[in-house]
């Protein structure tokens, strides 16, 4: 296969895997793993074919070169959106540290492989790309790893629901607010599915399961 065809395949796989994880996360762990691997494969592919694959428009021997931006960005956004929807993190310090550890080496390899964003006017766009990649792929991977590989013994708490609210914007979100519990000393909130939102009522008690986290970042799920 040519570089262009492989790039197209990677972009399609990236887009489809992102849809799978975000919209229909059946075989959850597998879908997470694939969405982590596709950007890494895309970055290594760019490294192998230095200067002949890009993430922005440019030419090689006066011919437009194929891009792999979709293979990197779509799964990255799916990872962070799924992570924020499914897991409530208590304290993000460790998450940000691991996000940098995960993303910085990859972004360096990507820029070296594509020969982009390293000089001149494109440096600004390189900084934007690096920040975006860190907060999507890096944070998403760290949050999901922290939860899915966690083998710690859970602690159980109960909290009373004090408010329900539908948040409308580009998407509709369903939020429940509840009283302080365990290590949380102020009113807390959690976004839930519409089915759970309809089932739960103000003054109901919910049971929260607190775990230490694989990356030493506490997180909770609602039982």
N, C-alpha and C. Protein backbone atom coordinates (compact mmCIF):
# COMPACT_ATOMS: atom_id res chain seq x y z
N UNK A 1 0.83 -1.21 0.00
CA UNK A 1 0.00 0.00 0.00
C UNK A 1 0.87 1.25 0.00
N UNK A 2 0.39 2.29 -0.64
CA UNK A 2 1.12 3.54 -0.68
C UNK A 2 0.94 4.30 0.64
N UNK A 3 1.80 5.30 0.84
CA UNK A 3 1.71 6.12 2.04
C UNK A 3 0.33 6.79 2.11
N UNK A 4 -0.16 7.26 0.99
CA UNK A 4 -1.47 7.93 0.95
C UNK A 4 -2.58 6.98 1.37
N UNK A 5 -2.56 5.75 0.86
CA UNK A 5 -3.61 4.78 1.20
C UNK A 5 -3.55 4.40 2.68
N UNK A 6 -2.33 4.21 3.19
CA UNK A 6 -2.20 3.86 4.61
C UNK A 6 -2.70 5.01 5.48
N UNK A 7 -2.38 6.25 5.09
CA UNK A 7 -2.85 7.42 5.83
C UNK A 7 -4.37 7.47 5.84
N UNK A 8 -4.97 7.20 4.69
CA UNK A 8 -6.44 7.20 4.60
C UNK A 8 -7.05 6.14 5.50
N UNK A 9 -6.45 4.95 5.49
CA UNK A 9 -6.93 3.86 6.35
C UNK A 9 -6.83 4.24 7.82
N UNK A 10 -5.71 4.81 8.22
CA UNK A 10 -5.52 5.23 9.61
C UNK A 10 -6.55 6.30 10.01
N UNK A 11 -6.80 7.24 9.11
CA UNK A 11 -7.79 8.28 9.41
C UNK A 11 -9.19 7.69 9.57
N UNK A 12 -9.55 6.75 8.71
CA UNK A 12 -10.86 6.12 8.82
C UNK A 12 -10.98 5.30 10.11
N UNK A 13 -9.94 4.55 10.41
CA UNK A 13 -9.96 3.76 11.65
C UNK A 13 -10.04 4.69 12.85
N UNK A 14 -9.31 5.79 12.81
CA UNK A 14 -9.37 6.76 13.90
C UNK A 14 -10.75 7.33 14.09
N UNK A 15 -11.40 7.70 13.00
CA UNK A 15 -12.76 8.25 13.09
C UNK A 15 -13.76 7.23 13.57
N UNK A 16 -13.70 6.01 13.03
CA UNK A 16 -14.66 4.97 13.42
C UNK A 16 -14.45 4.51 14.86
N UNK A 17 -13.20 4.40 15.26
CA UNK A 17 -12.94 3.98 16.64
C UNK A 17 -13.40 5.05 17.63
N UNK A 18 -13.27 6.32 17.25
CA UNK A 18 -13.74 7.41 18.10
C UNK A 18 -15.25 7.36 18.26
N UNK A 19 -15.96 7.11 17.17
CA UNK A 19 -17.42 6.98 17.23
C UNK A 19 -17.81 5.79 18.10
N UNK A 20 -17.10 4.70 17.93
CA UNK A 20 -17.35 3.49 18.74
C UNK A 20 -17.23 3.80 20.23
N UNK A 21 -16.15 4.43 20.64
CA UNK A 21 -15.92 4.71 22.05
C UNK A 21 -16.90 5.75 22.59
N UNK A 22 -17.15 6.79 21.82
CA UNK A 22 -17.97 7.89 22.31
C UNK A 22 -19.46 7.56 22.27
N UNK A 23 -19.92 6.98 21.17
CA UNK A 23 -21.36 6.80 20.98
C UNK A 23 -21.87 5.41 21.37
N UNK A 24 -21.02 4.41 21.27
CA UNK A 24 -21.48 3.04 21.53
C UNK A 24 -20.34 2.23 22.15
N UNK A 25 -19.99 2.53 23.41
CA UNK A 25 -18.80 1.92 24.02
C UNK A 25 -19.00 0.49 24.51
N UNK A 26 -19.45 -0.38 23.60
CA UNK A 26 -19.53 -1.79 23.94
C UNK A 26 -18.11 -2.38 23.85
N UNK A 27 -17.81 -3.41 24.66
CA UNK A 27 -16.43 -3.90 24.80
C UNK A 27 -15.55 -2.72 25.19
N UNK A 28 -15.91 -2.13 26.31
CA UNK A 28 -15.37 -0.84 26.75
C UNK A 28 -13.85 -0.81 26.76
N UNK A 29 -13.23 -1.75 27.45
CA UNK A 29 -11.77 -1.74 27.58
C UNK A 29 -11.08 -1.86 26.23
N UNK A 30 -11.63 -2.68 25.35
CA UNK A 30 -11.05 -2.84 24.02
C UNK A 30 -11.16 -1.55 23.22
N UNK A 31 -12.31 -0.89 23.30
CA UNK A 31 -12.48 0.36 22.55
C UNK A 31 -11.55 1.44 23.07
N UNK A 32 -11.33 1.47 24.38
CA UNK A 32 -10.38 2.43 24.96
C UNK A 32 -8.97 2.13 24.44
N UNK A 33 -8.57 0.87 24.48
CA UNK A 33 -7.23 0.48 24.04
C UNK A 33 -7.00 0.85 22.58
N UNK A 34 -7.97 0.59 21.73
CA UNK A 34 -7.82 0.91 20.30
C UNK A 34 -7.68 2.42 20.09
N UNK A 35 -8.46 3.19 20.83
CA UNK A 35 -8.38 4.65 20.68
C UNK A 35 -7.08 5.22 21.24
N UNK A 36 -6.43 4.51 22.13
CA UNK A 36 -5.10 4.91 22.59
C UNK A 36 -4.05 4.53 21.55
N UNK A 37 -4.20 3.35 20.96
CA UNK A 37 -3.18 2.85 20.04
C UNK A 37 -3.16 3.55 18.70
N UNK A 38 -4.33 3.93 18.17
CA UNK A 38 -4.38 4.52 16.82
C UNK A 38 -3.56 5.80 16.72
N UNK A 39 -3.69 6.77 17.63
CA UNK A 39 -2.82 7.96 17.53
C UNK A 39 -1.33 7.62 17.62
N UNK A 40 -1.00 6.65 18.49
CA UNK A 40 0.41 6.26 18.62
C UNK A 40 0.91 5.65 17.31
N UNK A 41 0.10 4.80 16.71
CA UNK A 41 0.47 4.19 15.42
C UNK A 41 0.63 5.28 14.36
N UNK A 42 -0.30 6.25 14.35
CA UNK A 42 -0.21 7.35 13.39
C UNK A 42 1.07 8.16 13.57
N UNK A 43 1.44 8.42 14.80
CA UNK A 43 2.66 9.19 15.09
C UNK A 43 3.90 8.42 14.66
N UNK A 44 3.94 7.13 14.95
CA UNK A 44 5.09 6.31 14.54
C UNK A 44 5.16 6.17 13.02
N UNK A 45 4.00 6.15 12.38
CA UNK A 45 3.94 6.11 10.91
C UNK A 45 4.55 7.38 10.33
N UNK A 46 4.22 8.52 10.95
CA UNK A 46 4.80 9.80 10.50
C UNK A 46 6.32 9.81 10.69
N UNK A 47 6.77 9.22 11.80
CA UNK A 47 8.21 9.15 12.06
C UNK A 47 8.92 8.29 11.03
N UNK A 48 8.30 7.20 10.65
CA UNK A 48 8.91 6.29 9.67
C UNK A 48 9.04 6.96 8.32
N UNK A 49 8.07 7.79 7.95
CA UNK A 49 8.07 8.45 6.64
C UNK A 49 8.26 9.95 6.83
N UNK A 50 9.38 10.32 7.41
CA UNK A 50 9.64 11.71 7.79
C UNK A 50 9.44 12.68 6.63
N UNK A 51 8.60 13.69 6.90
CA UNK A 51 8.38 14.73 5.91
C UNK A 51 7.40 14.37 4.82
N UNK A 52 7.01 13.09 4.71
CA UNK A 52 6.10 12.67 3.66
C UNK A 52 4.67 12.48 4.15
N UNK A 53 4.47 12.66 5.45
CA UNK A 53 3.15 12.60 6.06
C UNK A 53 3.01 13.84 6.94
N UNK A 54 1.84 14.46 6.93
CA UNK A 54 1.69 15.71 7.68
C UNK A 54 0.48 15.74 8.58
N UNK A 55 0.40 16.80 9.37
CA UNK A 55 -0.80 17.09 10.15
C UNK A 55 -1.38 18.44 9.75
N UNK A 56 -0.75 19.07 8.77
CA UNK A 56 -1.23 20.32 8.22
C UNK A 56 -0.91 20.30 6.73
N UNK A 57 -1.44 21.28 6.00
CA UNK A 57 -1.22 21.26 4.56
C UNK A 57 0.22 21.65 4.21
N UNK A 58 0.88 20.82 3.40
CA UNK A 58 2.17 21.18 2.82
C UNK A 58 2.44 20.24 1.64
N UNK A 59 3.52 20.49 0.94
CA UNK A 59 3.82 19.70 -0.25
C UNK A 59 5.18 19.01 -0.12
N UNK A 60 5.31 17.88 -0.82
CA UNK A 60 6.57 17.16 -0.92
C UNK A 60 6.83 16.97 -2.41
N UNK A 61 7.94 17.55 -2.91
CA UNK A 61 8.23 17.54 -4.34
C UNK A 61 7.06 18.11 -5.14
N UNK A 62 6.51 19.24 -4.62
CA UNK A 62 5.41 19.96 -5.26
C UNK A 62 4.11 19.17 -5.34
N UNK A 63 4.00 18.11 -4.55
CA UNK A 63 2.77 17.32 -4.51
C UNK A 63 2.20 17.35 -3.09
N UNK A 64 0.90 17.65 -2.92
CA UNK A 64 0.32 17.64 -1.57
C UNK A 64 0.52 16.30 -0.90
N UNK A 65 0.93 16.33 0.37
CA UNK A 65 1.19 15.08 1.07
C UNK A 65 -0.03 14.67 1.90
N UNK A 66 -0.19 13.38 2.15
CA UNK A 66 -1.33 12.92 2.96
C UNK A 66 -1.18 13.36 4.41
N UNK A 67 -2.32 13.56 5.06
CA UNK A 67 -2.33 13.97 6.46
C UNK A 67 -2.88 12.85 7.34
N UNK A 68 -2.45 12.85 8.60
CA UNK A 68 -2.94 11.85 9.57
C UNK A 68 -3.56 12.54 10.78
N UNK A 69 -4.04 13.76 10.58
CA UNK A 69 -4.62 14.50 11.70
C UNK A 69 -5.84 13.83 12.28
N UNK A 70 -6.69 13.24 11.43
CA UNK A 70 -7.91 12.58 11.93
C UNK A 70 -7.58 11.35 12.76
N UNK A 71 -6.53 10.64 12.37
CA UNK A 71 -6.12 9.44 13.12
C UNK A 71 -5.64 9.79 14.52
N UNK A 72 -5.20 11.03 14.70
CA UNK A 72 -4.68 11.46 16.00
C UNK A 72 -5.75 12.18 16.82
N UNK A 73 -6.43 13.13 16.20
CA UNK A 73 -7.35 13.98 16.96
C UNK A 73 -8.67 13.31 17.32
N UNK A 74 -9.29 12.59 16.40
CA UNK A 74 -10.60 11.99 16.69
C UNK A 74 -10.54 11.03 17.88
N UNK A 75 -9.62 10.07 17.90
CA UNK A 75 -9.54 9.20 19.09
C UNK A 75 -9.18 9.96 20.35
N UNK A 76 -8.35 11.00 20.23
CA UNK A 76 -7.95 11.78 21.41
C UNK A 76 -9.16 12.46 22.04
N UNK A 77 -10.01 13.07 21.22
CA UNK A 77 -11.21 13.71 21.74
C UNK A 77 -12.17 12.67 22.33
N UNK A 78 -12.27 11.51 21.69
CA UNK A 78 -13.14 10.46 22.22
C UNK A 78 -12.67 10.01 23.59
N UNK A 79 -11.36 9.91 23.78
CA UNK A 79 -10.80 9.47 25.06
C UNK A 79 -11.15 10.45 26.18
N UNK A 80 -10.93 11.73 25.96
CA UNK A 80 -11.18 12.69 27.04
C UNK A 80 -12.67 12.84 27.31
N UNK A 81 -13.50 12.82 26.27
CA UNK A 81 -14.94 12.95 26.48
C UNK A 81 -15.49 11.74 27.24
N UNK A 82 -15.05 10.55 26.85
CA UNK A 82 -15.51 9.34 27.54
C UNK A 82 -15.03 9.34 28.99
N UNK A 83 -13.80 9.76 29.21
CA UNK A 83 -13.24 9.79 30.56
C UNK A 83 -14.02 10.74 31.46
N UNK A 84 -14.32 11.93 30.96
CA UNK A 84 -15.03 12.92 31.77
C UNK A 84 -16.49 12.53 32.00
N UNK A 85 -17.08 11.81 31.06
CA UNK A 85 -18.47 11.38 31.23
C UNK A 85 -18.59 10.21 32.21
N UNK A 86 -17.60 9.34 32.22
CA UNK A 86 -17.74 8.07 32.95
C UNK A 86 -17.10 8.07 34.34
N UNK A 87 -16.13 8.95 34.57
CA UNK A 87 -15.40 8.89 35.83
C UNK A 87 -15.27 10.29 36.44
N UNK A 88 -15.56 10.36 37.72
CA UNK A 88 -15.41 11.62 38.45
C UNK A 88 -14.11 11.56 39.24
N UNK A 89 -13.19 12.45 38.90
CA UNK A 89 -11.87 12.48 39.51
C UNK A 89 -11.86 13.48 40.66
N UNK A 90 -11.20 13.10 41.75
CA UNK A 90 -11.02 14.01 42.89
C UNK A 90 -9.57 14.47 42.89
N UNK A 91 -9.34 15.66 42.37
CA UNK A 91 -7.98 16.20 42.29
C UNK A 91 -7.30 15.77 41.00
N UNK A 92 -6.83 16.76 40.22
CA UNK A 92 -6.28 16.46 38.90
C UNK A 92 -4.76 16.58 38.84
N UNK A 93 -4.10 16.83 39.96
CA UNK A 93 -2.65 17.07 39.93
C UNK A 93 -1.90 15.91 39.29
N UNK A 94 -2.11 14.70 39.79
CA UNK A 94 -1.41 13.54 39.24
C UNK A 94 -1.80 13.27 37.80
N UNK A 95 -3.08 13.52 37.49
CA UNK A 95 -3.55 13.31 36.12
C UNK A 95 -2.78 14.21 35.16
N UNK A 96 -2.61 15.49 35.50
CA UNK A 96 -1.89 16.41 34.63
C UNK A 96 -0.42 16.00 34.49
N UNK A 97 0.18 15.53 35.59
CA UNK A 97 1.58 15.10 35.54
C UNK A 97 1.73 13.92 34.57
N UNK A 98 0.86 12.92 34.72
CA UNK A 98 0.94 11.76 33.83
C UNK A 98 0.55 12.12 32.40
N UNK A 99 -0.36 13.08 32.23
CA UNK A 99 -0.73 13.53 30.89
C UNK A 99 0.49 14.10 30.17
N UNK A 100 1.30 14.85 30.89
CA UNK A 100 2.53 15.40 30.29
C UNK A 100 3.53 14.29 29.99
N UNK A 101 3.66 13.34 30.91
CA UNK A 101 4.59 12.23 30.70
C UNK A 101 4.19 11.42 29.47
N UNK A 102 2.89 11.25 29.27
CA UNK A 102 2.37 10.47 28.14
C UNK A 102 2.49 11.25 26.83
N UNK A 103 2.09 12.51 26.84
CA UNK A 103 1.91 13.26 25.60
C UNK A 103 3.15 13.97 25.08
N UNK A 104 4.00 14.48 25.96
CA UNK A 104 5.15 15.27 25.49
C UNK A 104 6.09 14.46 24.60
N UNK A 105 6.52 13.24 24.99
CA UNK A 105 7.37 12.46 24.07
C UNK A 105 6.70 12.19 22.72
N UNK A 106 5.40 11.92 22.74
CA UNK A 106 4.69 11.63 21.49
C UNK A 106 4.61 12.86 20.60
N UNK A 107 4.36 14.03 21.20
CA UNK A 107 4.23 15.23 20.38
C UNK A 107 5.58 15.61 19.78
N UNK A 108 6.67 15.36 20.52
CA UNK A 108 8.01 15.62 19.99
C UNK A 108 8.29 14.71 18.79
N UNK A 109 7.96 13.42 18.94
CA UNK A 109 8.14 12.48 17.84
C UNK A 109 7.29 12.88 16.64
N UNK A 110 6.06 13.32 16.88
CA UNK A 110 5.16 13.72 15.80
C UNK A 110 5.72 14.91 15.04
N UNK A 111 6.15 15.93 15.75
CA UNK A 111 6.68 17.11 15.08
C UNK A 111 7.98 16.80 14.34
N UNK A 112 8.81 15.94 14.92
CA UNK A 112 10.04 15.54 14.25
C UNK A 112 9.73 14.73 13.00
N UNK A 113 8.74 13.86 13.09
CA UNK A 113 8.40 13.02 11.95
C UNK A 113 7.75 13.77 10.81
N UNK A 114 6.90 14.74 11.14
CA UNK A 114 6.19 15.49 10.09
C UNK A 114 6.97 16.70 9.60
N UNK A 115 8.01 17.09 10.37
CA UNK A 115 8.81 18.28 10.04
C UNK A 115 7.95 19.54 10.02
N UNK A 116 6.96 19.58 10.92
CA UNK A 116 6.07 20.74 10.99
C UNK A 116 6.14 21.39 12.36
N UNK A 117 5.74 22.66 12.41
CA UNK A 117 5.58 23.41 13.67
C UNK A 117 6.87 23.60 14.45
N UNK A 118 8.01 23.43 13.81
CA UNK A 118 9.27 23.54 14.54
C UNK A 118 9.99 24.87 14.28
N UNK A 119 9.64 25.54 13.20
CA UNK A 119 10.33 26.77 12.85
C UNK A 119 9.34 27.84 12.39
N UNK A 120 9.79 29.09 12.45
CA UNK A 120 9.05 30.19 11.85
C UNK A 120 7.69 30.43 12.45
N UNK A 121 6.77 30.86 11.58
CA UNK A 121 5.44 31.26 12.00
C UNK A 121 4.60 30.10 12.52
N UNK A 122 4.98 28.87 12.19
CA UNK A 122 4.17 27.72 12.58
C UNK A 122 4.40 27.28 14.03
N UNK A 123 5.38 27.88 14.69
CA UNK A 123 5.65 27.49 16.07
C UNK A 123 4.43 27.71 16.95
N UNK A 124 3.72 28.82 16.73
CA UNK A 124 2.51 29.11 17.51
C UNK A 124 1.48 27.99 17.36
N UNK A 125 1.27 27.54 16.12
CA UNK A 125 0.31 26.47 15.87
C UNK A 125 0.80 25.15 16.48
N UNK A 126 2.12 24.99 16.53
CA UNK A 126 2.68 23.81 17.18
C UNK A 126 2.38 23.80 18.67
N UNK A 127 2.47 24.98 19.30
CA UNK A 127 2.15 25.08 20.73
C UNK A 127 0.68 24.75 20.97
N UNK A 128 -0.19 25.28 20.10
CA UNK A 128 -1.63 24.99 20.22
C UNK A 128 -1.89 23.50 20.06
N UNK A 129 -1.24 22.89 19.06
CA UNK A 129 -1.40 21.46 18.82
C UNK A 129 -0.93 20.65 20.02
N UNK A 130 0.21 21.04 20.59
CA UNK A 130 0.77 20.32 21.73
C UNK A 130 -0.16 20.40 22.94
N UNK A 131 -0.70 21.60 23.21
CA UNK A 131 -1.64 21.77 24.34
C UNK A 131 -2.90 20.95 24.11
N UNK A 132 -3.42 21.00 22.89
CA UNK A 132 -4.64 20.25 22.56
C UNK A 132 -4.41 18.76 22.74
N UNK A 133 -3.30 18.27 22.27
CA UNK A 133 -2.99 16.84 22.37
C UNK A 133 -2.83 16.42 23.83
N UNK A 134 -2.20 17.29 24.63
CA UNK A 134 -2.00 16.98 26.05
C UNK A 134 -3.32 16.88 26.79
N UNK A 135 -4.24 17.82 26.53
CA UNK A 135 -5.50 17.84 27.26
C UNK A 135 -6.53 16.85 26.72
N UNK A 136 -6.32 16.32 25.54
CA UNK A 136 -7.25 15.32 25.01
C UNK A 136 -6.66 13.92 25.18
N UNK A 137 -5.63 13.61 24.40
CA UNK A 137 -5.04 12.27 24.48
C UNK A 137 -4.37 12.03 25.83
N UNK A 138 -3.56 12.99 26.29
CA UNK A 138 -2.82 12.80 27.54
C UNK A 138 -3.73 12.65 28.74
N UNK A 139 -4.63 13.60 28.94
CA UNK A 139 -5.53 13.55 30.10
C UNK A 139 -6.53 12.41 29.97
N UNK A 140 -7.06 12.19 28.77
CA UNK A 140 -8.01 11.09 28.59
C UNK A 140 -7.40 9.75 28.90
N UNK A 141 -6.19 9.52 28.39
CA UNK A 141 -5.49 8.26 28.65
C UNK A 141 -5.18 8.10 30.13
N UNK A 142 -4.75 9.18 30.78
CA UNK A 142 -4.41 9.11 32.20
C UNK A 142 -5.64 8.82 33.06
N UNK A 143 -6.76 9.49 32.79
CA UNK A 143 -7.98 9.27 33.58
C UNK A 143 -8.48 7.85 33.41
N UNK A 144 -8.52 7.37 32.18
CA UNK A 144 -9.02 6.02 31.92
C UNK A 144 -8.09 4.96 32.49
N UNK A 145 -6.79 5.17 32.38
CA UNK A 145 -5.82 4.24 32.97
C UNK A 145 -5.97 4.21 34.48
N UNK A 146 -6.13 5.38 35.07
CA UNK A 146 -6.28 5.49 36.53
C UNK A 146 -7.46 4.66 37.03
N UNK A 147 -8.53 4.64 36.27
CA UNK A 147 -9.74 3.92 36.70
C UNK A 147 -9.73 2.46 36.27
N UNK A 148 -9.43 2.20 35.01
CA UNK A 148 -9.59 0.84 34.49
C UNK A 148 -8.55 -0.14 35.02
N UNK A 149 -7.38 0.36 35.43
CA UNK A 149 -6.35 -0.53 35.98
C UNK A 149 -6.31 -0.51 37.51
N UNK A 150 -7.28 0.16 38.11
CA UNK A 150 -7.31 0.30 39.57
C UNK A 150 -7.79 -1.00 40.22
N UNK A 151 -6.97 -1.52 41.12
CA UNK A 151 -7.32 -2.73 41.86
C UNK A 151 -7.50 -2.46 43.35
N UNK A 152 -7.61 -1.19 43.73
CA UNK A 152 -7.70 -0.83 45.14
C UNK A 152 -9.06 -1.22 45.71
N UNK A 153 -9.10 -1.41 47.02
CA UNK A 153 -10.34 -1.74 47.71
C UNK A 153 -11.21 -0.49 47.84
N UNK A 154 -12.47 -0.56 47.41
CA UNK A 154 -13.31 0.65 47.45
C UNK A 154 -13.82 0.98 48.85
N UNK A 155 -14.10 2.27 49.06
CA UNK A 155 -14.77 2.73 50.26
C UNK A 155 -16.16 3.22 49.84
N UNK A 156 -17.17 2.94 50.68
CA UNK A 156 -18.54 3.27 50.31
C UNK A 156 -19.09 4.40 51.17
N UNK A 157 -19.79 5.34 50.51
CA UNK A 157 -20.40 6.48 51.17
C UNK A 157 -21.81 6.69 50.63
N UNK A 158 -22.64 7.33 51.44
CA UNK A 158 -23.97 7.70 50.99
C UNK A 158 -24.11 9.22 51.01
N UNK A 159 -24.83 9.74 50.02
CA UNK A 159 -25.05 11.19 49.95
C UNK A 159 -26.48 11.45 49.47
N UNK A 160 -27.10 12.51 49.99
CA UNK A 160 -28.47 12.84 49.63
C UNK A 160 -28.50 13.83 48.47
N UNK A 161 -29.33 13.54 47.49
CA UNK A 161 -29.50 14.43 46.34
C UNK A 161 -30.26 15.67 46.77
N UNK A 162 -29.73 16.85 46.44
CA UNK A 162 -30.38 18.10 46.83
C UNK A 162 -30.89 18.90 45.63
N UNK A 163 -30.50 18.47 44.42
CA UNK A 163 -30.96 19.21 43.24
C UNK A 163 -30.73 18.38 41.98
N UNK A 164 -31.60 18.59 40.99
CA UNK A 164 -31.44 17.99 39.67
C UNK A 164 -31.53 19.10 38.64
N UNK A 165 -30.72 19.01 37.59
CA UNK A 165 -30.73 20.07 36.60
C UNK A 165 -30.35 19.54 35.23
N UNK A 166 -31.06 20.04 34.21
CA UNK A 166 -30.74 19.70 32.82
C UNK A 166 -29.94 20.86 32.24
N UNK A 167 -28.72 20.58 31.79
CA UNK A 167 -27.85 21.61 31.21
C UNK A 167 -27.92 21.51 29.69
N UNK A 168 -28.35 22.61 29.06
CA UNK A 168 -28.51 22.61 27.61
C UNK A 168 -27.50 23.53 26.96
N UNK A 169 -26.90 23.04 25.89
CA UNK A 169 -25.93 23.79 25.11
C UNK A 169 -25.84 23.11 23.76
N UNK A 170 -24.61 22.88 23.27
CA UNK A 170 -24.45 22.10 22.05
C UNK A 170 -24.92 20.67 22.27
N UNK A 171 -24.77 20.19 23.50
CA UNK A 171 -25.30 18.89 23.89
C UNK A 171 -26.09 19.06 25.19
N UNK A 172 -26.95 18.10 25.49
CA UNK A 172 -27.73 18.14 26.72
C UNK A 172 -27.08 17.25 27.76
N UNK A 173 -26.88 17.80 28.95
CA UNK A 173 -26.27 17.04 30.05
C UNK A 173 -27.24 17.01 31.22
N UNK A 174 -27.20 15.91 31.98
CA UNK A 174 -28.10 15.72 33.11
C UNK A 174 -27.26 15.68 34.39
N UNK A 175 -27.54 16.61 35.29
CA UNK A 175 -26.71 16.79 36.47
C UNK A 175 -27.51 16.58 37.74
N UNK A 176 -26.88 15.91 38.70
CA UNK A 176 -27.46 15.83 40.05
C UNK A 176 -26.47 16.45 41.03
N UNK A 177 -26.99 17.20 41.98
CA UNK A 177 -26.18 17.79 43.04
C UNK A 177 -26.48 17.05 44.34
N UNK A 178 -25.46 16.82 45.15
CA UNK A 178 -25.70 16.12 46.41
C UNK A 178 -24.86 16.72 47.53
N UNK A 179 -25.22 16.36 48.74
CA UNK A 179 -24.61 16.94 49.93
C UNK A 179 -23.15 16.48 50.09
N UNK A 180 -22.39 17.19 50.95
CA UNK A 180 -21.00 16.75 51.23
C UNK A 180 -20.97 15.30 51.68
N UNK A 181 -19.89 14.63 51.34
CA UNK A 181 -19.76 13.21 51.68
C UNK A 181 -18.27 12.89 51.83
N UNK A 182 -17.92 11.96 52.67
CA UNK A 182 -16.56 11.47 52.80
C UNK A 182 -15.52 12.58 52.80
N UNK A 183 -14.58 12.55 51.83
CA UNK A 183 -13.52 13.56 51.79
C UNK A 183 -13.98 14.90 51.19
N UNK A 184 -15.18 14.95 50.66
CA UNK A 184 -15.70 16.18 50.03
C UNK A 184 -16.48 16.97 51.06
N UNK A 185 -16.03 18.19 51.34
CA UNK A 185 -16.60 18.99 52.41
C UNK A 185 -17.61 20.03 51.92
N UNK A 186 -17.85 20.09 50.63
CA UNK A 186 -18.84 21.01 50.06
C UNK A 186 -19.82 20.22 49.21
N UNK A 187 -20.93 20.88 48.84
CA UNK A 187 -21.88 20.23 47.94
C UNK A 187 -21.16 19.77 46.67
N UNK A 188 -21.53 18.60 46.18
CA UNK A 188 -20.85 18.00 45.04
C UNK A 188 -21.84 17.78 43.91
N UNK A 189 -21.36 17.44 42.75
CA UNK A 189 -22.25 17.19 41.61
C UNK A 189 -21.70 16.06 40.77
N UNK A 190 -22.59 15.51 39.96
CA UNK A 190 -22.21 14.44 39.05
C UNK A 190 -23.14 14.47 37.85
N UNK A 191 -22.60 14.24 36.66
CA UNK A 191 -23.43 14.14 35.46
C UNK A 191 -23.76 12.68 35.23
N UNK A 192 -25.02 12.42 34.91
CA UNK A 192 -25.50 11.06 34.79
C UNK A 192 -26.23 10.91 33.46
N UNK A 193 -26.59 9.68 33.13
CA UNK A 193 -27.36 9.44 31.91
C UNK A 193 -28.80 9.91 32.11
N UNK A 194 -29.52 10.08 31.01
CA UNK A 194 -30.93 10.51 31.11
C UNK A 194 -31.76 9.48 31.86
N UNK A 195 -31.46 8.20 31.65
CA UNK A 195 -32.19 7.14 32.34
C UNK A 195 -32.01 7.26 33.85
N UNK A 196 -30.78 7.49 34.30
CA UNK A 196 -30.53 7.65 35.73
C UNK A 196 -31.15 8.94 36.25
N UNK A 197 -31.08 9.98 35.45
CA UNK A 197 -31.64 11.28 35.85
C UNK A 197 -33.15 11.15 36.10
N UNK A 198 -33.82 10.43 35.23
CA UNK A 198 -35.27 10.25 35.37
C UNK A 198 -35.60 9.36 36.58
N UNK A 199 -34.72 8.43 36.89
CA UNK A 199 -34.97 7.49 37.99
C UNK A 199 -34.74 8.11 39.36
N UNK A 200 -33.76 9.00 39.44
CA UNK A 200 -33.39 9.59 40.73
C UNK A 200 -34.24 10.82 41.04
N UNK A 201 -34.50 11.01 42.32
CA UNK A 201 -35.31 12.16 42.76
C UNK A 201 -34.58 12.92 43.85
N UNK A 202 -34.93 14.20 43.99
CA UNK A 202 -34.39 15.00 45.09
C UNK A 202 -34.77 14.33 46.41
N UNK A 203 -33.83 14.32 47.35
CA UNK A 203 -33.93 13.69 48.67
C UNK A 203 -33.65 12.19 48.64
N UNK A 204 -33.48 11.61 47.44
CA UNK A 204 -33.01 10.22 47.38
C UNK A 204 -31.57 10.16 47.86
N UNK A 205 -31.18 9.03 48.40
CA UNK A 205 -29.78 8.82 48.77
C UNK A 205 -29.11 7.96 47.71
N UNK A 206 -27.92 8.36 47.31
CA UNK A 206 -27.15 7.56 46.36
C UNK A 206 -25.91 7.03 47.07
N UNK A 207 -25.46 5.87 46.64
CA UNK A 207 -24.26 5.27 47.22
C UNK A 207 -23.09 5.53 46.29
N UNK A 208 -22.02 6.09 46.84
CA UNK A 208 -20.83 6.41 46.07
C UNK A 208 -19.70 5.48 46.46
N UNK A 209 -18.98 5.02 45.45
CA UNK A 209 -17.85 4.12 45.68
C UNK A 209 -16.57 4.87 45.37
N UNK A 210 -15.75 5.07 46.39
CA UNK A 210 -14.50 5.81 46.26
C UNK A 210 -13.33 4.83 46.16
N UNK A 211 -12.46 5.07 45.16
CA UNK A 211 -11.29 4.21 45.00
C UNK A 211 -10.03 5.07 44.87
N UNK A 212 -8.88 4.46 45.19
CA UNK A 212 -7.62 5.21 45.27
C UNK A 212 -7.05 5.57 43.90
N UNK A 213 -7.29 4.74 42.90
CA UNK A 213 -6.79 5.02 41.56
C UNK A 213 -5.43 4.41 41.27
N UNK A 214 -5.27 3.87 40.08
CA UNK A 214 -4.02 3.25 39.66
C UNK A 214 -2.88 4.27 39.64
N UNK A 215 -3.21 5.52 39.29
CA UNK A 215 -2.22 6.60 39.25
C UNK A 215 -2.30 7.48 40.50
N UNK A 216 -2.82 6.89 41.58
CA UNK A 216 -2.91 7.58 42.87
C UNK A 216 -3.77 8.83 42.82
N UNK A 217 -4.83 8.79 42.02
CA UNK A 217 -5.81 9.87 41.95
C UNK A 217 -7.17 9.28 42.29
N UNK A 218 -7.78 9.73 43.38
CA UNK A 218 -9.06 9.19 43.81
C UNK A 218 -10.15 9.47 42.76
N UNK A 219 -11.05 8.51 42.63
CA UNK A 219 -12.16 8.67 41.71
C UNK A 219 -13.37 7.95 42.27
N UNK A 220 -14.55 8.35 41.82
CA UNK A 220 -15.77 7.75 42.34
C UNK A 220 -16.68 7.30 41.21
N UNK A 221 -17.47 6.33 41.51
CA UNK A 221 -18.58 5.94 40.65
C UNK A 221 -19.80 5.79 41.53
N UNK A 222 -20.96 5.97 40.91
CA UNK A 222 -22.21 5.87 41.64
C UNK A 222 -22.75 4.46 41.49
N UNK A 223 -23.12 3.84 42.61
CA UNK A 223 -23.69 2.49 42.58
C UNK A 223 -25.20 2.55 42.32
